[in-house]
Amino acid sequence: MKYVERPDAAPESGITRVPIRPDSSLPLPQTVLVQCAVETLACAVRAGLDPGAVLAQAQLDPSSWDASGTLTVAEFSRLSNAISIPMRDEACGLMSRPMTDGTLEMLCRVAVSTSSFEECMRALAVGLTVTMPDFSVLVEEGPQTLSWVFVEKAPVTRNRQLLYEVVIFLISYSLLAWCVGRRPDVVSADLPFDAPDDLLGVRRLLPGLVRDRQPRAAIHFLHSQASLPVQRKSGDVLPFLKRTPGNLLLAVLGQSPVSIRARGLMLQTFPHLPDAAEVAGRLAMSVRTLHRKLHGEGESFQGLKDQVRRDWAIEQLTRTTMPIKEIALTLGFADPPTFGRAFTRWTGRSPGEWRRVAGVKGV
């Protein structure tokens, strides 16, 4: 059975319509589209870099690229570093002026000096506005949401989609996720263009509703996260930055290899969620070792299962008209009240409240 997305919204509203089935969950990408690499390389060429030298430094062979294919996060990181280092531009030439060396470090240090999610949001908004030549970042507070709003300082005409995905997702959202040690829950995100393809996997990484062709770009977070503690300290900054932009993506993918792989195995069998013994066997380790490694990464096996169920539930609540009862049953809960208590524990809001905040009608 399929559930339509937002039946109250006409096609011209710009709301993304991607069929979502009860037996599917959007996987966390560990790849980016080749087109993303092509556009990034084009920026380097315009800046005067030799594309052959860049590709050699990144150990990439474009003859193996397919127009609809992907690069791994590691490959994209090598390409970005091969461009950003000689250009002395941490945005790889995407912006109208360079993001000079040390910008990301400064943003990280500003962020880790804060104590809570909201304080970190506001500090990053100021830092991003000061350091980014093309955008100002505003924080808007509503009754149930805290929002980042991205305003163009001057019209962006070149590489618009990639630039927005880099600024909104790869830099802003990923830094916030790294600081609080988890992917912040997003009610909805707005993009000011029609984007049928995700270059960096934004729709797969933001479980809330993603709307195209909006008057301005924004990410709307649930206000109940405002008091989440910042987990990172000053000593964490330089180790984190050693492997950017890969670590920025990993901050959203789940921080670490074992938790990413374990979560990936859960997504492969969703809505059935394997037990620890099954996952440990697939990862060629004992259950005890699995738990120990996850603990060392700040995760737990039950926590990963809850993250998968939470993200899938948010997708259905914000992107489809699936009844809450059916969401509960699909996730293995005995009844809606039990699911409601679990969802409230995960997000700080009931399923019905979350759906109302997202503005989903017709249910």
Foldseek 3Di string as FASTA:
>chain_A
DWFWFQPVDDPVQQFDTDIDDLFAAQAQDQWFAVVLLVQLLVLLVVVPDDSVQLCVQLVHDCVPHDNGDIDGLSSVLSSQCSQCVVVQANVSRQAPDGLHPPLLLVLLQQQLVDWALQSSLVSSQVSCCVRGPFWHWDWDDDPWKIKIWIDTPDDDDGPQLSVCCCSVQLRRQLSSLLFLVARAAWQEWEEQANDPDDRGCVCSLHLHTYGYNDPTTMTIGTCVRGGRTGDDHSVVRPVQPVRPPSSSSCSSCRRDDLLNQQLNVQNVRPPDGDDLCVSCVVVVHHSVVSQVVQVVSVHGSVRSLLVSLLSRLNNCLRTGPDDLQVSCVRNPHPGSVVVQVSNCVVRVHGSVVSSVVSPRDDD
